Every structure is written in C-alpha cells, then in structure tokens.
PDB file of N, CA and C in Angstrom:
ATOM      1  N   UNK A   1      32.592 -76.749-152.699  1.00  0.00           N
ATOM      2  CA  UNK A   1      33.845 -76.343-153.309  1.00  0.00           C
ATOM      3  C   UNK A   1      34.737 -75.727-152.238  1.00  0.00           C
ATOM      4  N   UNK A   2      36.018 -76.002-152.356  1.00  0.00           N
ATOM      5  CA  UNK A   2      36.984 -75.462-151.411  1.00  0.00           C
ATOM      6  C   UNK A   2      37.112 -73.956-151.585  1.00  0.00           C
ATOM      7  N   UNK A   3      37.317 -73.278-150.476  1.00  0.00           N
ATOM      8  CA  UNK A   3      37.437 -71.819-150.515  1.00  0.00           C
ATOM      9  C   UNK A   3      38.655 -71.389-151.319  1.00  0.00           C
ATOM     10  N   UNK A   4      39.701 -72.172-151.288  1.00  0.00           N
ATOM     11  CA  UNK A   4      40.925 -71.770-151.969  1.00  0.00           C
ATOM     12  C   UNK A   4      41.017 -72.300-153.402  1.00  0.00           C
ATOM     13  N   UNK A   5      39.875 -72.583-154.022  1.00  0.00           N
ATOM     14  CA  UNK A   5      39.863 -73.101-155.392  1.00  0.00           C
ATOM     15  C   UNK A   5      40.503 -72.106-156.354  1.00  0.00           C
ATOM     16  N   UNK A   6      41.594 -72.498-157.035  1.00  0.00           N
ATOM     17  CA  UNK A   6      42.283 -71.567-157.932  1.00  0.00           C
ATOM     18  C   UNK A   6      41.584 -71.381-159.278  1.00  0.00           C
ATOM     19  N   UNK A   7      40.599 -72.192-159.585  1.00  0.00           N
ATOM     20  CA  UNK A   7      39.963 -72.121-160.907  1.00  0.00           C
ATOM     21  C   UNK A   7      38.905 -71.034-161.005  1.00  0.00           C
ATOM     22  N   UNK A   8      38.410 -70.553-159.911  1.00  0.00           N
ATOM     23  CA  UNK A   8      37.377 -69.519-159.951  1.00  0.00           C
ATOM     24  C   UNK A   8      37.872 -68.260-159.257  1.00  0.00           C
ATOM     25  N   UNK A   9      37.432 -67.132-159.771  1.00  0.00           N
ATOM     26  CA  UNK A   9      37.814 -65.856-159.168  1.00  0.00           C
ATOM     27  C   UNK A   9      37.066 -65.650-157.854  1.00  0.00           C
ATOM     28  N   UNK A  10      37.522 -64.709-157.069  1.00  0.00           N
ATOM     29  CA  UNK A  10      36.898 -64.373-155.794  1.00  0.00           C
ATOM     30  C   UNK A  10      35.396 -64.144-155.951  1.00  0.00           C
ATOM     31  N   UNK A  11      35.038 -63.311-156.932  1.00  0.00           N
ATOM     32  CA  UNK A  11      33.623 -62.962-157.092  1.00  0.00           C
ATOM     33  C   UNK A  11      32.774 -64.185-157.431  1.00  0.00           C
ATOM     34  N   UNK A  12      33.300 -65.099-158.233  1.00  0.00           N
ATOM     35  CA  UNK A  12      32.534 -66.306-158.586  1.00  0.00           C
ATOM     36  C   UNK A  12      32.455 -67.265-157.404  1.00  0.00           C
ATOM     37  N   UNK A  13      33.558 -67.397-156.664  1.00  0.00           N
ATOM     38  CA  UNK A  13      33.548 -68.297-155.502  1.00  0.00           C
ATOM     39  C   UNK A  13      32.519 -67.867-154.479  1.00  0.00           C
ATOM     40  N   UNK A  14      32.330 -66.566-154.307  1.00  0.00           N
ATOM     41  CA  UNK A  14      31.426 -66.069-153.272  1.00  0.00           C
ATOM     42  C   UNK A  14      30.109 -65.535-153.814  1.00  0.00           C
ATOM     43  N   UNK A  15      29.878 -65.676-155.101  1.00  0.00           N
ATOM     44  CA  UNK A  15      28.592 -65.322-155.694  1.00  0.00           C
ATOM     45  C   UNK A  15      28.325 -63.836-155.863  1.00  0.00           C
ATOM     46  N   UNK A  16      29.371 -63.026-155.947  1.00  0.00           N
ATOM     47  CA  UNK A  16      29.167 -61.593-156.155  1.00  0.00           C
ATOM     48  C   UNK A  16      29.046 -61.293-157.640  1.00  0.00           C
ATOM     49  N   UNK A  17      28.199 -60.304-157.960  1.00  0.00           N
ATOM     50  CA  UNK A  17      28.023 -59.865-159.341  1.00  0.00           C
ATOM     51  C   UNK A  17      28.019 -58.352-159.391  1.00  0.00           C
ATOM     52  N   UNK A  18      28.546 -57.832-160.472  1.00  0.00           N
ATOM     53  CA  UNK A  18      28.475 -56.389-160.690  1.00  0.00           C
ATOM     54  C   UNK A  18      27.080 -56.030-161.150  1.00  0.00           C
ATOM     55  N   UNK A  19      26.667 -54.838-160.822  1.00  0.00           N
ATOM     56  CA  UNK A  19      25.387 -54.349-161.303  1.00  0.00           C
ATOM     57  C   UNK A  19      25.556 -53.909-162.753  1.00  0.00           C
ATOM     58  N   UNK A  20      24.560 -54.164-163.605  1.00  0.00           N
ATOM     59  CA  UNK A  20      24.659 -53.701-164.997  1.00  0.00           C
ATOM     60  C   UNK A  20      24.863 -52.188-165.039  1.00  0.00           C
ATOM     61  N   UNK A  21      25.738 -51.769-165.929  1.00  0.00           N
ATOM     62  CA  UNK A  21      26.030 -50.343-166.054  1.00  0.00           C
ATOM     63  C   UNK A  21      25.365 -49.793-167.300  1.00  0.00           C
ATOM     64  N   UNK A  22      24.927 -48.566-167.181  1.00  0.00           N
ATOM     65  CA  UNK A  22      24.319 -47.888-168.317  1.00  0.00           C
ATOM     66  C   UNK A  22      25.382 -47.642-169.382  1.00  0.00           C
ATOM     67  N   UNK A  23      25.033 -47.878-170.624  1.00  0.00           N
ATOM     68  CA  UNK A  23      25.954 -47.601-171.724  1.00  0.00           C
ATOM     69  C   UNK A  23      25.990 -46.095-171.935  1.00  0.00           C
ATOM     70  N   UNK A  24      27.169 -45.520-171.774  1.00  0.00           N
ATOM     71  CA  UNK A  24      27.302 -44.068-171.916  1.00  0.00           C
ATOM     72  C   UNK A  24      28.118 -43.679-173.141  1.00  0.00           C
ATOM     73  N   UNK A  25      28.835 -44.625-173.711  1.00  0.00           N
ATOM     74  CA  UNK A  25      29.644 -44.354-174.898  1.00  0.00           C
ATOM     75  C   UNK A  25      29.144 -45.244-176.021  1.00  0.00           C
ATOM     76  N   UNK A  26      28.707 -44.627-177.103  1.00  0.00           N
ATOM     77  CA  UNK A  26      28.186 -45.400-178.231  1.00  0.00           C
ATOM     78  C   UNK A  26      29.134 -45.389-179.412  1.00  0.00           C
ATOM     79  N   UNK A  27      29.660 -44.266-179.755  1.00  0.00           N
ATOM     80  CA  UNK A  27      30.512 -44.155-180.933  1.00  0.00           C
ATOM     81  C   UNK A  27      31.813 -43.481-180.538  1.00  0.00           C
ATOM     82  N   UNK A  28      32.704 -44.296-179.971  1.00  0.00           N
ATOM     83  CA  UNK A  28      33.989 -43.780-179.538  1.00  0.00           C
ATOM     84  C   UNK A  28      34.876 -44.973-179.209  1.00  0.00           C
ATOM     85  N   UNK A  29      36.121 -44.725-179.041  1.00  0.00           N
ATOM     86  CA  UNK A  29      37.080 -45.725-178.567  1.00  0.00           C
ATOM     87  C   UNK A  29      37.908 -45.033-177.486  1.00  0.00           C
ATOM     88  N   UNK A  30      37.460 -45.124-176.252  1.00  0.00           N
ATOM     89  CA  UNK A  30      38.154 -44.420-175.165  1.00  0.00           C
ATOM     90  C   UNK A  30      39.621 -44.841-175.058  1.00  0.00           C
ATOM     91  N   UNK A  31      40.422 -43.949-174.524  1.00  0.00           N
ATOM     92  CA  UNK A  31      41.848 -44.216-174.376  1.00  0.00           C
ATOM     93  C   UNK A  31      42.095 -45.488-173.579  1.00  0.00           C
ATOM     94  N   UNK A  32      41.295 -45.735-172.561  1.00  0.00           N
ATOM     95  CA  UNK A  32      41.493 -46.943-171.748  1.00  0.00           C
ATOM     96  C   UNK A  32      41.303 -48.208-172.583  1.00  0.00           C
ATOM     97  N   UNK A  33      40.374 -48.193-173.527  1.00  0.00           N
ATOM     98  CA  UNK A  33      40.167 -49.344-174.410  1.00  0.00           C
ATOM     99  C   UNK A  33      41.359 -49.506-175.351  1.00  0.00           C
ATOM    100  N   UNK A  34      41.818 -48.424-175.908  1.00  0.00           N
ATOM    101  CA  UNK A  34      42.962 -48.474-176.814  1.00  0.00           C
ATOM    102  C   UNK A  34      44.196 -49.025-176.082  1.00  0.00           C
ATOM    103  N   UNK A  35      44.380 -48.563-174.857  1.00  0.00           N
ATOM    104  CA  UNK A  35      45.495 -49.044-174.039  1.00  0.00           C
ATOM    105  C   UNK A  35      45.360 -50.544-173.767  1.00  0.00           C
ATOM    106  N   UNK A  36      44.169 -50.977-173.397  1.00  0.00           N
ATOM    107  CA  UNK A  36      43.918 -52.388-173.128  1.00  0.00           C
ATOM    108  C   UNK A  36      44.226 -53.249-174.353  1.00  0.00           C
ATOM    109  N   UNK A  37      43.791 -52.814-175.522  1.00  0.00           N
ATOM    110  CA  UNK A  37      44.013 -53.581-176.755  1.00  0.00           C
ATOM    111  C   UNK A  37      45.511 -53.688-177.047  1.00  0.00           C
ATOM    112  N   UNK A  38      46.245 -52.591-176.918  1.00  0.00           N
ATOM    113  CA  UNK A  38      47.689 -52.648-177.163  1.00  0.00           C
ATOM    114  C   UNK A  38      48.385 -53.564-176.157  1.00  0.00           C
ATOM    115  N   UNK A  39      48.034 -53.442-174.879  1.00  0.00           N
ATOM    116  CA  UNK A  39      48.632 -54.309-173.860  1.00  0.00           C
ATOM    117  C   UNK A  39      48.327 -55.777-174.124  1.00  0.00           C
ATOM    118  N   UNK A  40      47.091 -56.065-174.498  1.00  0.00           N
ATOM    119  CA  UNK A  40      46.694 -57.439-174.772  1.00  0.00           C
ATOM    120  C   UNK A  40      47.434 -57.986-175.983  1.00  0.00           C
ATOM    121  N   UNK A  41      47.576 -57.172-177.009  1.00  0.00           N
ATOM    122  CA  UNK A  41      48.299 -57.610-178.207  1.00  0.00           C
ATOM    123  C   UNK A  41      49.745 -57.942-177.855  1.00  0.00           C
ATOM    124  N   UNK A  42      50.373 -57.127-177.024  1.00  0.00           N
ATOM    125  CA  UNK A  42      51.749 -57.393-176.615  1.00  0.00           C
ATOM    126  C   UNK A  42      51.810 -58.689-175.796  1.00  0.00           C
ATOM    127  N   UNK A  43      50.859 -58.881-174.893  1.00  0.00           N
ATOM    128  CA  UNK A  43      50.823 -60.114-174.100  1.00  0.00           C
ATOM    129  C   UNK A  43      50.637 -61.344-174.982  1.00  0.00           C
ATOM    130  N   UNK A  44      49.957 -61.178-176.108  1.00  0.00           N
ATOM    131  CA  UNK A  44      49.743 -62.287-177.039  1.00  0.00           C
ATOM    132  C   UNK A  44      50.971 -62.531-177.919  1.00  0.00           C
ATOM    133  N   UNK A  45      51.968 -61.673-177.822  1.00  0.00           N
ATOM    134  CA  UNK A  45      53.192 -61.868-178.566  1.00  0.00           C
ATOM    135  C   UNK A  45      53.409 -60.938-179.737  1.00  0.00           C
ATOM    136  N   UNK A  46      52.478 -60.027-179.990  1.00  0.00           N
ATOM    137  CA  UNK A  46      52.682 -59.049-181.062  1.00  0.00           C
ATOM    138  C   UNK A  46      53.802 -58.114-180.661  1.00  0.00           C
ATOM    139  N   UNK A  47      54.683 -57.857-181.579  1.00  0.00           N
ATOM    140  CA  UNK A  47      55.737 -56.889-181.338  1.00  0.00           C
ATOM    141  C   UNK A  47      55.365 -55.550-181.935  1.00  0.00           C
ATOM    142  N   UNK A  48      56.119 -54.521-181.604  1.00  0.00           N
ATOM    143  CA  UNK A  48      55.841 -53.186-182.141  1.00  0.00           C
ATOM    144  C   UNK A  48      55.810 -53.123-183.661  1.00  0.00           C
ATOM    145  N   UNK A  49      56.699 -53.846-184.332  1.00  0.00           N
ATOM    146  CA  UNK A  49      56.729 -53.785-185.799  1.00  0.00           C
ATOM    147  C   UNK A  49      55.447 -54.349-186.407  1.00  0.00           C
ATOM    148  N   UNK A  50      54.953 -55.469-185.883  1.00  0.00           N
ATOM    149  CA  UNK A  50      53.718 -56.064-186.408  1.00  0.00           C
ATOM    150  C   UNK A  50      52.529 -55.147-186.148  1.00  0.00           C
ATOM    151  N   UNK A  51      52.487 -54.548-184.968  1.00  0.00           N
ATOM    152  CA  UNK A  51      51.386 -53.625-184.658  1.00  0.00           C
ATOM    153  C   UNK A  51      51.459 -52.378-185.533  1.00  0.00           C
ATOM    154  N   UNK A  52      52.668 -51.886-185.764  1.00  0.00           N
ATOM    155  CA  UNK A  52      52.824 -50.714-186.632  1.00  0.00           C
ATOM    156  C   UNK A  52      52.363 -51.041-188.047  1.00  0.00           C
ATOM    157  N   UNK A  53      52.717 -52.225-188.544  1.00  0.00           N
ATOM    158  CA  UNK A  53      52.272 -52.626-189.881  1.00  0.00           C
ATOM    159  C   UNK A  53      50.754 -52.652-189.954  1.00  0.00           C
ATOM    160  N   UNK A  54      50.119 -53.179-188.897  1.00  0.00           N
ATOM    161  CA  UNK A  54      48.660 -53.287-188.888  1.00  0.00           C
ATOM    162  C   UNK A  54      47.993 -51.909-188.862  1.00  0.00           C
ATOM    163  N   UNK A  55      48.426 -51.020-187.969  1.00  0.00           N
ATOM    164  CA  UNK A  55      47.765 -49.714-187.865  1.00  0.00           C
ATOM    165  C   UNK A  55      48.061 -48.867-189.098  1.00  0.00           C
ATOM    166  N   UNK A  56      49.280 -48.940-189.623  1.00  0.00           N
ATOM    167  CA  UNK A  56      49.601 -48.159-190.833  1.00  0.00           C
ATOM    168  C   UNK A  56      48.774 -48.632-192.018  1.00  0.00           C
ATOM    169  N   UNK A  57      48.545 -49.923-192.107  1.00  0.00           N
ATOM    170  CA  UNK A  57      47.721 -50.463-193.186  1.00  0.00           C
ATOM    171  C   UNK A  57      46.296 -49.939-193.086  1.00  0.00           C
ATOM    172  N   UNK A  58      45.771 -49.885-191.874  1.00  0.00           N
ATOM    173  CA  UNK A  58      44.383 -49.442-191.665  1.00  0.00           C
ATOM    174  C   UNK A  58      44.220 -47.959-191.953  1.00  0.00           C
ATOM    175  N   UNK A  59      45.158 -47.153-191.494  1.00  0.00           N
ATOM    176  CA  UNK A  59      44.991 -45.703-191.666  1.00  0.00           C
ATOM    177  C   UNK A  59      45.691 -45.186-192.918  1.00  0.00           C
ATOM    178  N   UNK A  60      46.212 -46.091-193.712  1.00  0.00           N
ATOM    179  CA  UNK A  60      46.842 -45.745-194.995  1.00  0.00           C
ATOM    180  C   UNK A  60      47.939 -44.691-194.836  1.00  0.00           C
ATOM    181  N   UNK A  61      48.877 -45.024-193.961  1.00  0.00           N
ATOM    182  CA  UNK A  61      50.016 -44.133-193.769  1.00  0.00           C
ATOM    183  C   UNK A  61      51.299 -44.950-193.811  1.00  0.00           C
ATOM    184  N   UNK A  62      52.364 -44.297-194.171  1.00  0.00           N
ATOM    185  CA  UNK A  62      53.664 -44.970-194.269  1.00  0.00           C
ATOM    186  C   UNK A  62      54.311 -45.015-192.889  1.00  0.00           C
ATOM    187  N   UNK A  63      54.850 -46.197-192.501  1.00  0.00           N
ATOM    188  CA  UNK A  63      55.602 -46.246-191.246  1.00  0.00           C
ATOM    189  C   UNK A  63      56.786 -45.276-191.312  1.00  0.00           C
ATOM    190  N   UNK A  64      57.134 -44.694-190.209  1.00  0.00           N
ATOM    191  CA  UNK A  64      58.257 -43.767-190.157  1.00  0.00           C
ATOM    192  C   UNK A  64      59.549 -44.544-190.402  1.00  0.00           C
ATOM    193  N   UNK A  65      60.230 -44.290-191.525  1.00  0.00           N
ATOM    194  CA  UNK A  65      61.453 -45.049-191.833  1.00  0.00           C
ATOM    195  C   UNK A  65      62.603 -44.747-190.880  1.00  0.00           C
ATOM    196  N   UNK A  66      62.486 -43.679-190.126  1.00  0.00           N
ATOM    197  CA  UNK A  66      63.512 -43.331-189.147  1.00  0.00           C
ATOM    198  C   UNK A  66      63.384 -44.110-187.855  1.00  0.00           C
ATOM    199  N   UNK A  67      62.273 -44.799-187.681  1.00  0.00           N
ATOM    200  CA  UNK A  67      62.065 -45.605-186.477  1.00  0.00           C
ATOM    201  C   UNK A  67      62.365 -47.051-186.797  1.00  0.00           C
ATOM    202  N   UNK A  68      63.407 -47.583-186.214  1.00  0.00           N
ATOM    203  CA  UNK A  68      63.742 -48.969-186.479  1.00  0.00           C
ATOM    204  C   UNK A  68      63.899 -49.780-185.202  1.00  0.00           C
ATOM    205  N   UNK A  69      64.243 -49.148-184.094  1.00  0.00           N
ATOM    206  CA  UNK A  69      64.370 -49.898-182.846  1.00  0.00           C
ATOM    207  C   UNK A  69      62.987 -50.058-182.215  1.00  0.00           C
ATOM    208  N   UNK A  70      62.708 -51.280-181.758  1.00  0.00           N
ATOM    209  CA  UNK A  70      61.364 -51.580-181.232  1.00  0.00           C
ATOM    210  C   UNK A  70      60.962 -50.643-180.107  1.00  0.00           C
ATOM    211  N   UNK A  71      61.830 -50.525-179.090  1.00  0.00           N
ATOM    212  CA  UNK A  71      61.522 -49.686-177.934  1.00  0.00           C
ATOM    213  C   UNK A  71      62.632 -48.664-177.789  1.00  0.00           C
ATOM    214  N   UNK A  72      62.311 -47.430-177.663  1.00  0.00           N
ATOM    215  CA  UNK A  72      60.996 -46.827-177.566  1.00  0.00           C
ATOM    216  C   UNK A  72      60.449 -46.325-178.904  1.00  0.00           C
ATOM    217  N   UNK A  73      61.253 -46.360-179.965  1.00  0.00           N
ATOM    218  CA  UNK A  73      60.878 -45.680-181.209  1.00  0.00           C
ATOM    219  C   UNK A  73      59.626 -46.224-181.877  1.00  0.00           C
ATOM    220  N   UNK A  74      59.651 -47.482-182.304  1.00  0.00           N
ATOM    221  CA  UNK A  74      58.498 -48.037-183.026  1.00  0.00           C
ATOM    222  C   UNK A  74      57.288 -48.107-182.101  1.00  0.00           C
ATOM    223  N   UNK A  75      57.516 -48.513-180.850  1.00  0.00           N
ATOM    224  CA  UNK A  75      56.399 -48.596-179.905  1.00  0.00           C
ATOM    225  C   UNK A  75      55.749 -47.226-179.715  1.00  0.00           C
ATOM    226  N   UNK A  76      56.544 -46.189-179.590  1.00  0.00           N
ATOM    227  CA  UNK A  76      56.000 -44.839-179.452  1.00  0.00           C
ATOM    228  C   UNK A  76      55.201 -44.423-180.680  1.00  0.00           C
ATOM    229  N   UNK A  77      55.683 -44.816-181.847  1.00  0.00           N
ATOM    230  CA  UNK A  77      54.947 -44.529-183.084  1.00  0.00           C
ATOM    231  C   UNK A  77      53.596 -45.247-183.082  1.00  0.00           C
ATOM    232  N   UNK A  78      53.604 -46.522-182.677  1.00  0.00           N
ATOM    233  CA  UNK A  78      52.355 -47.299-182.610  1.00  0.00           C
ATOM    234  C   UNK A  78      51.373 -46.629-181.662  1.00  0.00           C
ATOM    235  N   UNK A  79      51.831 -46.284-180.473  1.00  0.00           N
ATOM    236  CA  UNK A  79      50.944 -45.637-179.506  1.00  0.00           C
ATOM    237  C   UNK A  79      50.366 -44.345-180.073  1.00  0.00           C
ATOM    238  N   UNK A  80      51.206 -43.541-180.676  1.00  0.00           N
ATOM    239  CA  UNK A  80      50.720 -42.278-181.240  1.00  0.00           C
ATOM    240  C   UNK A  80      49.665 -42.503-182.310  1.00  0.00           C
ATOM    241  N   UNK A  81      49.899 -43.463-183.192  1.00  0.00           N
ATOM    242  CA  UNK A  81      48.939 -43.738-184.267  1.00  0.00           C
ATOM    243  C   UNK A  81      47.631 -44.311-183.719  1.00  0.00           C
ATOM    244  N   UNK A  82      47.738 -45.244-182.784  1.00  0.00           N
ATOM    245  CA  UNK A  82      46.530 -45.880-182.235  1.00  0.00           C
ATOM    246  C   UNK A  82      45.738 -44.902-181.379  1.00  0.00           C
ATOM    247  N   UNK A  83      46.414 -44.134-180.525  1.00  0.00           N
ATOM    248  CA  UNK A  83      45.704 -43.210-179.641  1.00  0.00           C
ATOM    249  C   UNK A  83      45.112 -42.010-180.381  1.00  0.00           C
ATOM    250  N   UNK A  84      45.647 -41.708-181.556  1.00  0.00           N
ATOM    251  CA  UNK A  84      45.184 -40.502-182.255  1.00  0.00           C
ATOM    252  C   UNK A  84      44.336 -40.762-183.495  1.00  0.00           C
ATOM    253  N   UNK A  85      44.120 -42.026-183.838  1.00  0.00           N
ATOM    254  CA  UNK A  85      43.295 -42.280-185.028  1.00  0.00           C
ATOM    255  C   UNK A  85      41.810 -42.140-184.678  1.00  0.00           C
ATOM    256  N   UNK A  86      40.988 -41.967-185.713  1.00  0.00           N
ATOM    257  CA  UNK A  86      39.539 -41.904-185.511  1.00  0.00           C
ATOM    258  C   UNK A  86      39.050 -43.190-184.859  1.00  0.00           C
ATOM    259  N   UNK A  87      37.979 -43.089-184.096  1.00  0.00           N
ATOM    260  CA  UNK A  87      37.479 -44.264-183.391  1.00  0.00           C
ATOM    261  C   UNK A  87      37.103 -45.390-184.348  1.00  0.00           C
ATOM    262  N   UNK A  88      36.567 -45.049-185.522  1.00  0.00           N
ATOM    263  CA  UNK A  88      36.182 -46.114-186.456  1.00  0.00           C
ATOM    264  C   UNK A  88      37.425 -46.821-187.007  1.00  0.00           C
ATOM    265  N   UNK A  89      38.501 -46.086-187.191  1.00  0.00           N
ATOM    266  CA  UNK A  89      39.753 -46.699-187.654  1.00  0.00           C
ATOM    267  C   UNK A  89      40.365 -47.577-186.563  1.00  0.00           C
ATOM    268  N   UNK A  90      40.177 -47.189-185.310  1.00  0.00           N
ATOM    269  CA  UNK A  90      40.665 -48.030-184.215  1.00  0.00           C
ATOM    270  C   UNK A  90      39.987 -49.404-184.255  1.00  0.00           C
ATOM    271  N   UNK A  91      38.675 -49.421-184.468  1.00  0.00           N
ATOM    272  CA  UNK A  91      37.967 -50.706-184.534  1.00  0.00           C
ATOM    273  C   UNK A  91      38.369 -51.496-185.782  1.00  0.00           C
ATOM    274  N   UNK A  92      38.693 -50.814-186.873  1.00  0.00           N
ATOM    275  CA  UNK A  92      39.226 -51.504-188.053  1.00  0.00           C
ATOM    276  C   UNK A  92      40.571 -52.157-187.708  1.00  0.00           C
ATOM    277  N   UNK A  93      41.400 -51.436-186.976  1.00  0.00           N
ATOM    278  CA  UNK A  93      42.695 -51.955-186.527  1.00  0.00           C
ATOM    279  C   UNK A  93      42.492 -53.181-185.632  1.00  0.00           C
ATOM    280  N   UNK A  94      41.576 -53.083-184.696  1.00  0.00           N
ATOM    281  CA  UNK A  94      41.295 -54.196-183.790  1.00  0.00           C
ATOM    282  C   UNK A  94      40.848 -55.428-184.572  1.00  0.00           C
ATOM    283  N   UNK A  95      39.950 -55.237-185.517  1.00  0.00           N
ATOM    284  CA  UNK A  95      39.495 -56.364-186.343  1.00  0.00           C
ATOM    285  C   UNK A  95      40.641 -56.965-187.142  1.00  0.00           C
ATOM    286  N   UNK A  96      41.538 -56.133-187.645  1.00  0.00           N
ATOM    287  CA  UNK A  96      42.679 -56.629-188.423  1.00  0.00           C
ATOM    288  C   UNK A  96      43.577 -57.502-187.547  1.00  0.00           C
ATOM    289  N   UNK A  97      43.846 -57.065-186.342  1.00  0.00           N
ATOM    290  CA  UNK A  97      44.681 -57.841-185.427  1.00  0.00           C
ATOM    291  C   UNK A  97      44.005 -59.173-185.095  1.00  0.00           C
ATOM    292  N   UNK A  98      42.711 -59.142-184.823  1.00  0.00           N
ATOM    293  CA  UNK A  98      41.981 -60.371-184.504  1.00  0.00           C
ATOM    294  C   UNK A  98      41.984 -61.326-185.693  1.00  0.00           C
ATOM    295  N   UNK A  99      41.731 -60.806-186.895  1.00  0.00           N
ATOM    296  CA  UNK A  99      41.710 -61.661-188.086  1.00  0.00           C
ATOM    297  C   UNK A  99      43.077 -62.287-188.339  1.00  0.00           C
ATOM    298  N   UNK A 100      44.137 -61.537-188.121  1.00  0.00           N
ATOM    299  CA  UNK A 100      45.468 -62.093-188.315  1.00  0.00           C
ATOM    300  C   UNK A 100      45.744 -63.209-187.315  1.00  0.00           C
ATOM    301  N   UNK A 101      45.262 -63.041-186.103  1.00  0.00           N
ATOM    302  CA  UNK A 101      45.410 -64.102-185.096  1.00  0.00           C
ATOM    303  C   UNK A 101      44.654 -65.356-185.523  1.00  0.00           C
ATOM    304  N   UNK A 102      43.446 -65.184-185.998  1.00  0.00           N
ATOM    305  CA  UNK A 102      42.615 -66.323-186.385  1.00  0.00           C
ATOM    306  C   UNK A 102      43.181 -67.048-187.601  1.00  0.00           C
ATOM    307  N   UNK A 103      43.718 -66.299-188.565  1.00  0.00           N
ATOM    308  CA  UNK A 103      44.222 -66.915-189.788  1.00  0.00           C
ATOM    309  C   UNK A 103      45.564 -67.603-189.592  1.00  0.00           C
ATOM    310  N   UNK A 104      46.383 -67.056-188.726  1.00  0.00           N
ATOM    311  CA  UNK A 104      47.727 -67.587-188.580  1.00  0.00           C
ATOM    312  C   UNK A 104      47.839 -68.678-187.527  1.00  0.00           C
ATOM    313  N   UNK A 105      46.874 -68.785-186.651  1.00  0.00           N
ATOM    314  CA  UNK A 105      46.924 -69.814-185.621  1.00  0.00           C
ATOM    315  C   UNK A 105      47.751 -69.382-184.428  1.00  0.00           C
ATOM    316  N   UNK A 106      47.962 -70.311-183.484  1.00  0.00           N
ATOM    317  CA  UNK A 106      48.590 -69.966-182.217  1.00  0.00           C
ATOM    318  C   UNK A 106      50.031 -69.478-182.323  1.00  0.00           C
ATOM    319  N   UNK A 107      50.785 -69.889-183.327  1.00  0.00           N
ATOM    320  CA  UNK A 107      52.176 -69.456-183.416  1.00  0.00           C
ATOM    321  C   UNK A 107      52.353 -68.166-184.202  1.00  0.00           C
ATOM    322  N   UNK A 108      51.256 -67.609-184.726  1.00  0.00           N
ATOM    323  CA  UNK A 108      51.310 -66.431-185.572  1.00  0.00           C
ATOM    324  C   UNK A 108      52.133 -65.305-184.955  1.00  0.00           C
ATOM    325  N   UNK A 109      51.930 -65.054-183.701  1.00  0.00           N
ATOM    326  CA  UNK A 109      52.547 -63.883-183.101  1.00  0.00           C
ATOM    327  C   UNK A 109      54.060 -64.009-182.998  1.00  0.00           C
ATOM    328  N   UNK A 110      54.579 -65.198-183.081  1.00  0.00           N
ATOM    329  CA  UNK A 110      56.007 -65.374-182.971  1.00  0.00           C
ATOM    330  C   UNK A 110      56.695 -65.386-184.324  1.00  0.00           C
ATOM    331  N   UNK A 111      55.905 -65.382-185.406  1.00  0.00           N
ATOM    332  CA  UNK A 111      56.482 -65.458-186.730  1.00  0.00           C
ATOM    333  C   UNK A 111      56.319 -64.170-187.520  1.00  0.00           C
ATOM    334  N   UNK A 112      55.636 -63.175-186.989  1.00  0.00           N
ATOM    335  CA  UNK A 112      55.420 -61.929-187.728  1.00  0.00           C
ATOM    336  C   UNK A 112      56.665 -61.079-187.698  1.00  0.00           C
TER     337      UNK A 112
END
C-alpha cells in the first residue's frame, strides 16, 4: 500500500494501536462526551431548535419562550439543559436523537 493512501489513518497505515484503557467511569456522562454529542449532532445537520425540542421532551421541561434566535439564545439554552441534566437523562436524550435519525432517514436533519 502506498504511504500516502488517503483511505486509512496514520495509525492504521503504520500499524499503531492504542493500549486498552481501564474503565474509570461507569455511571456518568462526562462533559467531554456531552460536548462531543452536541457537536456531532450539529455536524449531522441538527439545529438548535430540534435539539432543544429533543432535550426538553426528555427532561419534561418547557422550552424558554423568550429564546427564539438560534444563536446564541436557543443554542445556549440547549447547552445549559444538556450539560446540567442527570447523566441518565443525557443518555435518554442521546437515544432520542439517534432514533429520530434512524426513523427519518438521511434527509431528516434538514427537515426538522
């Protein structure tokens, strides 16, 4: 295989592997995970309003009617709700987002 193969990452091209890490967190949703999920959802096309609808549905709270502009208002509300909810509710939120993606298909994120 050519050294400059774009299909494989550096570590795969050269056979490097990470050492298995001990599991240190069992029942939690660290901030870095919550951040990753929100960033990934945005990259997939979810907007702040769709994410707010999802998290509010999970934690049974009313969206702030005073927040109507996507950035920074609704996005800030989403971050606050996601970063401050119980870890089990965060995983419920994650499952809801995944299920909505699976049910709606590839164009789902552009139609919400």
